[in-house]
Every structure is written in structure tokens, then in C-alpha cells.
């Protein structure tokens, strides 16, 4: 039960801060609902933008693998680089970064490309922290709206006459309780899709990183093979 109601029932005057917070709660929880609506719009917008980005940056890994197998053993770095620079995918950009540094040796290429993978991963995961934040905090935002609604209900209940008929405030009490429940429901409705979208996109990014790592290992292995005859001589 709100502090102001307990104080009123005991004939004690509520404090200044309590009255300020109670006045704030009397404003209702509709702004909480609007906040959740804006968060849901942002969630859908990020989902659409990321799906479009991932589709545009999709790579033909088998084609890239064939290019590596065809050009690296022959030392045709320029020809391979010409193909890779036309590819906007993570795989193409990371491999292009490594091919530019082929003369440094396989170990240097591997280290440089792993750093490039980290940079590319940030590009692919843009917007995902927002989805994670919405998914984890939207229920609490809805719960905050619920608390406001319950405070409103108790505040209006205090104004009822002994027989419960003071201009029909019981309807306001029920309305405040309904508003509180709606806020909880909307919070869950926003959070659940955000978590699903986050997991789907995160899983796809992880698959892309794994595929990039496999192509990188192929490149490094071929560079080691090229250097082996040189050392044996």
C-alpha cells in the first residue's frame, strides 16, 4: 500500500517528496505505453535494416574458396585481390586484408586477419545491443507502468465514501488497475520479439564468423605450403 495512504489513514501528513511522487503517479502510465511503442518500432526497424544488410553482404563461400585455391599456390596475389575487393561481405573484406599482407608470411596474415574479423564483427552486430537492451528491460518498463497504475488505484480508492459511492470513483479504480495490467502485457509483448530477433541475428553473425575463419585457415595453410619448399632449400 502506498506510503501516502498509510499516512492518511493514521492522520499523519505526507512528506513533500512523497506528495511530489504521488502527483507524478497521478499523471498516469500512458507515457510508459508510448515509450514501449517507440521501443517496438525501433526493434522492428533494426531487424529490417539488419536483414537487408545481411542479404546484401551475403558471400558465396565456395566461390571464395575456389579463388583462394586457384590463385594463392601460384602467388597471384593481385588477381585474387581484384576479385576480393569487389566483395562487400565479411569473408571478402577479411581475406582481402590478408592478401594485401601476404608477403609478411602466414603467421602475420593470420594475426592481421583475426583483428580484421573483430572489426567486421562490430559492423555486422550494429544494432544488436539495442535489441538486447530492449529485450532485457522492456518487462521492467512495463512493470514500472504497472506500479504507477496500482498507486493510482489505491489513491482513488482512498477517496471512496464509506459506502463506495463518491461520484462513481470505483470505475476510476478499475480503470487504473486495467491500465496497470496493460502496461505489463505490452512490456512482455515488446521484450519477447526483441529477444527472438537478437538471438536469430546473433546466430547468423556467428555462422558468418565461423565461415570466415574457415576461409582464413585455408589461406594460411596454402601460404605455409608455399613457404615449405623455400625453407627446405
C-alpha atoms as a PDB file:
ATOM      1  CA  UNK A   1       0.000   0.000   0.000  1.00  0.00           C
ATOM      2  CA  UNK A   2       1.399   3.447  -0.898  1.00  0.00           C
ATOM      3  CA  UNK A   3       3.010   5.415   1.905  1.00  0.00           C
ATOM      4  CA  UNK A   4       0.639   8.364   1.443  1.00  0.00           C
ATOM      5  CA  UNK A   5      -2.389   6.139   2.041  1.00  0.00           C
ATOM      6  CA  UNK A   6      -0.901   4.668   5.189  1.00  0.00           C
ATOM      7  CA  UNK A   7      -0.044   8.122   6.448  1.00  0.00           C
ATOM      8  CA  UNK A   8      -3.520   9.410   5.620  1.00  0.00           C
ATOM      9  CA  UNK A   9      -5.175   6.506   7.452  1.00  0.00           C
ATOM     10  CA  UNK A  10      -3.114   7.324  10.535  1.00  0.00           C
ATOM     11  CA  UNK A  11      -3.802  11.063  10.292  1.00  0.00           C
ATOM     12  CA  UNK A  12      -0.150  11.852   9.518  1.00  0.00           C
ATOM     13  CA  UNK A  13       0.741  14.473   6.894  1.00  0.00           C
ATOM     14  CA  UNK A  14       2.705  13.035   3.978  1.00  0.00           C
ATOM     15  CA  UNK A  15       6.139  14.473   3.259  1.00  0.00           C
ATOM     16  CA  UNK A  16       7.000  16.805   0.387  1.00  0.00           C
ATOM     17  CA  UNK A  17       8.815  14.161  -1.653  1.00  0.00           C
ATOM     18  CA  UNK A  18       6.010  11.660  -1.173  1.00  0.00           C
ATOM     19  CA  UNK A  19       3.476  14.197  -2.442  1.00  0.00           C
ATOM     20  CA  UNK A  20       5.672  15.006  -5.452  1.00  0.00           C
ATOM     21  CA  UNK A  21       5.992  11.338  -6.385  1.00  0.00           C
ATOM     22  CA  UNK A  22       2.293  10.789  -5.837  1.00  0.00           C
ATOM     23  CA  UNK A  23       1.460  13.723  -8.113  1.00  0.00           C
ATOM     24  CA  UNK A  24       3.750  12.192 -10.717  1.00  0.00           C
ATOM     25  CA  UNK A  25       1.950   8.842 -10.423  1.00  0.00           C
ATOM     26  CA  UNK A  26      -1.418  10.567 -10.772  1.00  0.00           C
ATOM     27  CA  UNK A  27      -0.344  11.589 -14.264  1.00  0.00           C
ATOM     28  CA  UNK A  28      -0.932   8.007 -15.346  1.00  0.00           C
ATOM     29  CA  UNK A  29       1.155   5.388 -17.112  1.00  0.00           C
ATOM     30  CA  UNK A  30       0.201   6.216 -20.696  1.00  0.00           C
ATOM     31  CA  UNK A  31       3.651   7.685 -21.332  1.00  0.00           C
ATOM     32  CA  UNK A  32       5.081   4.288 -20.400  1.00  0.00           C
ATOM     33  CA  UNK A  33       2.933   2.683 -23.079  1.00  0.00           C
ATOM     34  CA  UNK A  34       4.115   5.213 -25.647  1.00  0.00           C
ATOM     35  CA  UNK A  35       7.719   4.542 -24.671  1.00  0.00           C
ATOM     36  CA  UNK A  36       7.165   0.828 -25.220  1.00  0.00           C
ATOM     37  CA  UNK A  37       5.571   1.557 -28.598  1.00  0.00           C
ATOM     38  CA  UNK A  38       8.616   3.575 -29.694  1.00  0.00           C
ATOM     39  CA  UNK A  39      10.924   0.800 -28.494  1.00  0.00           C
ATOM     40  CA  UNK A  40       8.957  -1.751 -30.507  1.00  0.00           C
ATOM     41  CA  UNK A  41       9.189   0.442 -33.624  1.00  0.00           C
ATOM     42  CA  UNK A  42      12.942   0.732 -33.114  1.00  0.00           C
ATOM     43  CA  UNK A  43      13.177  -3.046 -32.716  1.00  0.00           C
ATOM     44  CA  UNK A  44      11.372  -3.715 -35.992  1.00  0.00           C
ATOM     45  CA  UNK A  45      13.406  -1.040 -37.800  1.00  0.00           C
ATOM     46  CA  UNK A  46      16.701  -2.592 -36.670  1.00  0.00           C
ATOM     47  CA  UNK A  47      15.509  -6.064 -37.641  1.00  0.00           C
ATOM     48  CA  UNK A  48      14.589  -4.953 -41.160  1.00  0.00           C
ATOM     49  CA  UNK A  49      17.831  -2.979 -41.602  1.00  0.00           C
ATOM     50  CA  UNK A  50      19.976  -5.878 -40.414  1.00  0.00           C
ATOM     51  CA  UNK A  51      18.199  -8.415 -42.632  1.00  0.00           C
ATOM     52  CA  UNK A  52      18.687  -6.166 -45.658  1.00  0.00           C
ATOM     53  CA  UNK A  53      22.342  -5.655 -44.738  1.00  0.00           C
ATOM     54  CA  UNK A  54      22.985  -9.378 -44.242  1.00  0.00           C
ATOM     55  CA  UNK A  55      21.322 -10.207 -47.539  1.00  0.00           C
ATOM     56  CA  UNK A  56      23.365  -7.591 -49.385  1.00  0.00           C
ATOM     57  CA  UNK A  57      26.599  -8.702 -47.705  1.00  0.00           C
ATOM     58  CA  UNK A  58      25.972 -12.418 -48.195  1.00  0.00           C
ATOM     59  CA  UNK A  59      29.029 -14.251 -49.526  1.00  0.00           C
ATOM     60  CA  UNK A  60      29.463 -17.222 -51.819  1.00  0.00           C
ATOM     61  CA  UNK A  61      31.945 -19.064 -49.629  1.00  0.00           C
ATOM     62  CA  UNK A  62      32.543 -21.858 -52.118  1.00  0.00           C
ATOM     63  CA  UNK A  63      33.458 -19.311 -54.799  1.00  0.00           C
ATOM     64  CA  UNK A  64      35.865 -17.566 -52.431  1.00  0.00           C
ATOM     65  CA  UNK A  65      37.411 -20.902 -51.505  1.00  0.00           C
ATOM     66  CA  UNK A  66      37.962 -21.750 -55.170  1.00  0.00           C
ATOM     67  CA  UNK A  67      39.581 -18.358 -55.754  1.00  0.00           C
ATOM     68  CA  UNK A  68      41.991 -18.967 -52.876  1.00  0.00           C
ATOM     69  CA  UNK A  69      42.873 -22.451 -54.116  1.00  0.00           C
ATOM     70  CA  UNK A  70      43.421 -21.203 -57.661  1.00  0.00           C
ATOM     71  CA  UNK A  71      45.484 -18.069 -57.006  1.00  0.00           C
ATOM     72  CA  UNK A  72      47.407 -18.486 -53.731  1.00  0.00           C
ATOM     73  CA  UNK A  73      49.558 -21.511 -54.747  1.00  0.00           C
ATOM     74  CA  UNK A  74      50.605 -19.599 -57.857  1.00  0.00           C
ATOM     75  CA  UNK A  75      51.380 -16.442 -55.921  1.00  0.00           C
ATOM     76  CA  UNK A  76      48.803 -14.466 -57.901  1.00  0.00           C
ATOM     77  CA  UNK A  77      48.004 -12.007 -55.116  1.00  0.00           C
ATOM     78  CA  UNK A  78      46.974  -9.165 -57.428  1.00  0.00           C
ATOM     79  CA  UNK A  79      44.487 -11.289 -59.362  1.00  0.00           C
ATOM     80  CA  UNK A  80      42.987 -12.655 -56.156  1.00  0.00           C
ATOM     81  CA  UNK A  81      42.824  -9.199 -54.604  1.00  0.00           C
ATOM     82  CA  UNK A  82      40.984  -7.856 -57.659  1.00  0.00           C
ATOM     83  CA  UNK A  83      38.197 -10.391 -57.047  1.00  0.00           C
ATOM     84  CA  UNK A  84      38.079  -9.893 -53.283  1.00  0.00           C
ATOM     85  CA  UNK A  85      37.868  -6.097 -53.422  1.00  0.00           C
ATOM     86  CA  UNK A  86      34.559  -6.423 -55.279  1.00  0.00           C
ATOM     87  CA  UNK A  87      33.088  -8.402 -52.367  1.00  0.00           C
ATOM     88  CA  UNK A  88      31.461  -6.421 -49.524  1.00  0.00           C
ATOM     89  CA  UNK A  89      30.965  -9.441 -47.284  1.00  0.00           C
ATOM     90  CA  UNK A  90      32.923 -10.092 -44.102  1.00  0.00           C
ATOM     91  CA  UNK A  91      34.661 -13.010 -45.783  1.00  0.00           C
ATOM     92  CA  UNK A  92      35.747 -10.981 -48.795  1.00  0.00           C
ATOM     93  CA  UNK A  93      36.937  -7.956 -46.816  1.00  0.00           C
ATOM     94  CA  UNK A  94      38.907 -10.022 -44.283  1.00  0.00           C
ATOM     95  CA  UNK A  95      40.565 -12.132 -46.973  1.00  0.00           C
ATOM     96  CA  UNK A  96      41.410  -9.024 -48.993  1.00  0.00           C
ATOM     97  CA  UNK A  97      43.075  -7.580 -45.895  1.00  0.00           C
ATOM     98  CA  UNK A  98      45.172 -10.716 -45.552  1.00  0.00           C
ATOM     99  CA  UNK A  99      46.080 -10.982 -49.231  1.00  0.00           C
ATOM    100  CA  UNK A 100      47.477  -7.433 -49.176  1.00  0.00           C
ATOM    101  CA  UNK A 101      49.924  -8.597 -46.485  1.00  0.00           C
ATOM    102  CA  UNK A 102      50.827 -11.985 -47.993  1.00  0.00           C
ATOM    103  CA  UNK A 103      54.497 -11.084 -48.243  1.00  0.00           C
ATOM    104  CA  UNK A 104      54.709 -10.796 -44.461  1.00  0.00           C
ATOM    105  CA  UNK A 105      54.175 -14.529 -44.109  1.00  0.00           C
ATOM    106  CA  UNK A 106      51.358 -16.803 -42.918  1.00  0.00           C
ATOM    107  CA  UNK A 107      51.650 -16.006 -39.222  1.00  0.00           C
ATOM    108  CA  UNK A 108      51.379 -12.263 -39.791  1.00  0.00           C
ATOM    109  CA  UNK A 109      48.479 -12.757 -42.217  1.00  0.00           C
ATOM    110  CA  UNK A 110      46.597 -14.844 -39.641  1.00  0.00           C
ATOM    111  CA  UNK A 111      47.078 -12.320 -36.844  1.00  0.00           C
ATOM    112  CA  UNK A 112      46.109  -9.368 -39.020  1.00  0.00           C
ATOM    113  CA  UNK A 113      43.025 -11.127 -40.365  1.00  0.00           C
ATOM    114  CA  UNK A 114      41.829 -12.089 -36.895  1.00  0.00           C
ATOM    115  CA  UNK A 115      41.978  -8.438 -35.955  1.00  0.00           C
ATOM    116  CA  UNK A 116      40.019  -7.622 -39.118  1.00  0.00           C
ATOM    117  CA  UNK A 117      37.392 -10.213 -38.159  1.00  0.00           C
ATOM    118  CA  UNK A 118      36.871  -8.392 -34.865  1.00  0.00           C
ATOM    119  CA  UNK A 119      36.381  -5.096 -36.700  1.00  0.00           C
ATOM    120  CA  UNK A 120      33.996  -6.650 -39.206  1.00  0.00           C
ATOM    121  CA  UNK A 121      32.044  -8.313 -36.430  1.00  0.00           C
ATOM    122  CA  UNK A 122      31.294  -4.905 -34.952  1.00  0.00           C
ATOM    123  CA  UNK A 123      29.918  -3.850 -38.347  1.00  0.00           C
ATOM    124  CA  UNK A 124      27.708  -6.930 -38.521  1.00  0.00           C
ATOM    125  CA  UNK A 125      26.477  -6.646 -34.926  1.00  0.00           C
ATOM    126  CA  UNK A 126      25.471  -2.987 -35.184  1.00  0.00           C
ATOM    127  CA  UNK A 127      22.061  -2.513 -33.589  1.00  0.00           C
ATOM    128  CA  UNK A 128      22.126  -5.812 -31.723  1.00  0.00           C
ATOM    129  CA  UNK A 129      22.941  -4.176 -28.352  1.00  0.00           C
ATOM    130  CA  UNK A 130      19.722  -2.168 -28.730  1.00  0.00           C
ATOM    131  CA  UNK A 131      17.729  -5.379 -29.216  1.00  0.00           C
ATOM    132  CA  UNK A 132      19.395  -6.944 -26.192  1.00  0.00           C
ATOM    133  CA  UNK A 133      18.672  -3.851 -24.091  1.00  0.00           C
ATOM    134  CA  UNK A 134      15.014  -3.751 -25.121  1.00  0.00           C
ATOM    135  CA  UNK A 135      14.612  -7.473 -24.548  1.00  0.00           C
ATOM    136  CA  UNK A 136      16.043  -7.322 -21.040  1.00  0.00           C
ATOM    137  CA  UNK A 137      14.490  -4.027 -19.897  1.00  0.00           C
ATOM    138  CA  UNK A 138      11.073  -3.761 -21.583  1.00  0.00           C
ATOM    139  CA  UNK A 139       9.436  -6.009 -18.916  1.00  0.00           C
ATOM    140  CA  UNK A 140      10.784  -3.703 -16.202  1.00  0.00           C
ATOM    141  CA  UNK A 141       9.469  -0.643 -18.038  1.00  0.00           C
ATOM    142  CA  UNK A 142       6.074  -2.342 -18.234  1.00  0.00           C
ATOM    143  CA  UNK A 143       6.329  -3.218 -14.545  1.00  0.00           C
ATOM    144  CA  UNK A 144       7.016   0.438 -13.777  1.00  0.00           C
ATOM    145  CA  UNK A 145       3.780   1.311 -15.570  1.00  0.00           C
ATOM    146  CA  UNK A 146       2.046  -1.342 -13.501  1.00  0.00           C
ATOM    147  CA  UNK A 147       3.334   0.192 -10.266  1.00  0.00           C
ATOM    148  CA  UNK A 148       2.059   3.608 -11.370  1.00  0.00           C
ATOM    149  CA  UNK A 149      -1.347   2.102 -12.150  1.00  0.00           C
ATOM    150  CA  UNK A 150      -1.549   0.398  -8.759  1.00  0.00           C
ATOM    151  CA  UNK A 151      -0.609   3.641  -6.990  1.00  0.00           C
ATOM    152  CA  UNK A 152      -3.365   5.428  -8.926  1.00  0.00           C
ATOM    153  CA  UNK A 153      -5.861   2.732  -7.982  1.00  0.00           C
ATOM    154  CA  UNK A 154      -5.069   2.978  -4.264  1.00  0.00           C
ATOM    155  CA  UNK A 155      -5.073   6.761  -4.397  1.00  0.00           C
ATOM    156  CA  UNK A 156      -8.536   6.772  -5.962  1.00  0.00           C
ATOM    157  CA  UNK A 157      -9.695   4.074  -3.564  1.00  0.00           C
ATOM    158  CA  UNK A 158      -8.813   6.378  -0.681  1.00  0.00           C
ATOM    159  CA  UNK A 159     -11.313   8.917  -1.995  1.00  0.00           C
ATOM    160  CA  UNK A 160     -14.238   6.496  -1.864  1.00  0.00           C
ATOM    161  CA  UNK A 161     -17.000   7.120   0.652  1.00  0.00           C
ATOM    162  CA  UNK A 162     -17.750   4.552   3.257  1.00  0.00           C
ATOM    163  CA  UNK A 163     -20.490   3.120   1.018  1.00  0.00           C
ATOM    164  CA  UNK A 164     -18.254   3.293  -2.071  1.00  0.00           C
ATOM    165  CA  UNK A 165     -20.287   5.931  -3.923  1.00  0.00           C
ATOM    166  CA  UNK A 166     -18.420   9.199  -4.282  1.00  0.00           C
ATOM    167  CA  UNK A 167     -19.283  10.210  -7.797  1.00  0.00           C
ATOM    168  CA  UNK A 168     -18.505   6.759  -9.144  1.00  0.00           C
ATOM    169  CA  UNK A 169     -14.746   6.686  -8.462  1.00  0.00           C
ATOM    170  CA  UNK A 170     -14.854   2.882  -8.368  1.00  0.00           C
ATOM    171  CA  UNK A 171     -14.783   2.980 -12.161  1.00  0.00           C
ATOM    172  CA  UNK A 172     -11.569   5.001 -11.990  1.00  0.00           C
ATOM    173  CA  UNK A 173     -10.088   2.429  -9.625  1.00  0.00           C
ATOM    174  CA  UNK A 174     -10.851  -0.392 -12.031  1.00  0.00           C
ATOM    175  CA  UNK A 175      -9.529   1.667 -14.932  1.00  0.00           C
ATOM    176  CA  UNK A 176      -6.238   2.275 -13.133  1.00  0.00           C
ATOM    177  CA  UNK A 177      -5.872  -1.432 -12.404  1.00  0.00           C
ATOM    178  CA  UNK A 178      -6.633  -2.264 -16.050  1.00  0.00           C
ATOM    179  CA  UNK A 179      -4.045   0.270 -17.197  1.00  0.00           C
ATOM    180  CA  UNK A 180      -1.523  -1.345 -14.885  1.00  0.00           C
ATOM    181  CA  UNK A 181      -2.138  -4.791 -16.371  1.00  0.00           C
ATOM    182  CA  UNK A 182      -1.944  -3.428 -19.911  1.00  0.00           C
ATOM    183  CA  UNK A 183       1.480  -1.943 -19.190  1.00  0.00           C
ATOM    184  CA  UNK A 184       2.768  -5.318 -18.013  1.00  0.00           C
ATOM    185  CA  UNK A 185       1.371  -7.086 -21.059  1.00  0.00           C
ATOM    186  CA  UNK A 186       2.793  -4.550 -23.507  1.00  0.00           C
ATOM    187  CA  UNK A 187       6.189  -4.751 -21.831  1.00  0.00           C
ATOM    188  CA  UNK A 188       6.278  -8.509 -22.383  1.00  0.00           C
ATOM    189  CA  UNK A 189       4.939  -8.106 -25.919  1.00  0.00           C
ATOM    190  CA  UNK A 190       7.848  -5.805 -26.760  1.00  0.00           C
ATOM    191  CA  UNK A 191      10.531  -7.811 -24.955  1.00  0.00           C
ATOM    192  CA  UNK A 192       9.826 -11.286 -26.339  1.00  0.00           C
ATOM    193  CA  UNK A 193      10.214 -10.421 -30.071  1.00  0.00           C
ATOM    194  CA  UNK A 194      13.305  -8.321 -29.295  1.00  0.00           C
ATOM    195  CA  UNK A 195      14.975 -11.311 -27.633  1.00  0.00           C
ATOM    196  CA  UNK A 196      13.982 -13.600 -30.513  1.00  0.00           C
ATOM    197  CA  UNK A 197      15.314 -11.151 -33.123  1.00  0.00           C
ATOM    198  CA  UNK A 198      18.545 -10.715 -31.158  1.00  0.00           C
ATOM    199  CA  UNK A 199      19.154 -14.467 -30.940  1.00  0.00           C
ATOM    200  CA  UNK A 200      18.385 -15.029 -34.636  1.00  0.00           C
ATOM    201  CA  UNK A 201      20.699 -12.235 -35.805  1.00  0.00           C
ATOM    202  CA  UNK A 202      23.437 -13.164 -33.326  1.00  0.00           C
ATOM    203  CA  UNK A 203      23.340 -16.770 -34.509  1.00  0.00           C
ATOM    204  CA  UNK A 204      23.631 -15.687 -38.127  1.00  0.00           C
ATOM    205  CA  UNK A 205      26.595 -13.437 -37.367  1.00  0.00           C
ATOM    206  CA  UNK A 206      28.290 -16.310 -35.527  1.00  0.00           C
ATOM    207  CA  UNK A 207      27.848 -18.550 -38.583  1.00  0.00           C
ATOM    208  CA  UNK A 208      29.388 -15.883 -40.808  1.00  0.00           C
ATOM    209  CA  UNK A 209      32.354 -15.501 -38.450  1.00  0.00           C
ATOM    210  CA  UNK A 210      32.841 -19.278 -38.450  1.00  0.00           C
ATOM    211  CA  UNK A 211      32.785 -19.368 -42.244  1.00  0.00           C
ATOM    212  CA  UNK A 212      35.264 -16.502 -42.421  1.00  0.00           C
ATOM    213  CA  UNK A 213      37.579 -18.293 -40.002  1.00  0.00           C
ATOM    214  CA  UNK A 214      37.454 -21.434 -42.163  1.00  0.00           C
ATOM    215  CA  UNK A 215      38.435 -19.473 -45.285  1.00  0.00           C
ATOM    216  CA  UNK A 216      41.199 -17.750 -43.335  1.00  0.00           C
ATOM    217  CA  UNK A 217      42.582 -21.122 -42.246  1.00  0.00           C
ATOM    218  CA  UNK A 218      42.557 -22.250 -45.880  1.00  0.00           C
ATOM    219  CA  UNK A 219      44.500 -19.148 -46.903  1.00  0.00           C
ATOM    220  CA  UNK A 220      47.059 -19.567 -44.103  1.00  0.00           C
ATOM    221  CA  UNK A 221      47.512 -23.282 -44.846  1.00  0.00           C
ATOM    222  CA  UNK A 222      48.256 -22.561 -48.501  1.00  0.00           C
ATOM    223  CA  UNK A 223      50.737 -19.843 -47.501  1.00  0.00           C
ATOM    224  CA  UNK A 224      52.514 -22.361 -45.260  1.00  0.00           C
ATOM    225  CA  UNK A 225      52.697 -24.806 -48.170  1.00  0.00           C
ATOM    226  CA  UNK A 226      54.252 -22.122 -50.373  1.00  0.00           C
ATOM    227  CA  UNK A 227      56.940 -21.370 -47.790  1.00  0.00           C
ATOM    228  CA  UNK A 228      57.815 -25.014 -47.037  1.00  0.00           C
ATOM    229  CA  UNK A 229      59.838 -25.643 -50.237  1.00  0.00           C
ATOM    230  CA  UNK A 230      61.725 -22.384 -49.670  1.00  0.00           C
ATOM    231  CA  UNK A 231      62.820 -23.452 -46.169  1.00  0.00           C
ATOM    232  CA  UNK A 232      63.746 -26.967 -47.344  1.00  0.00           C
ATOM    233  CA  UNK A 233      66.082 -25.490 -49.934  1.00  0.00           C
END
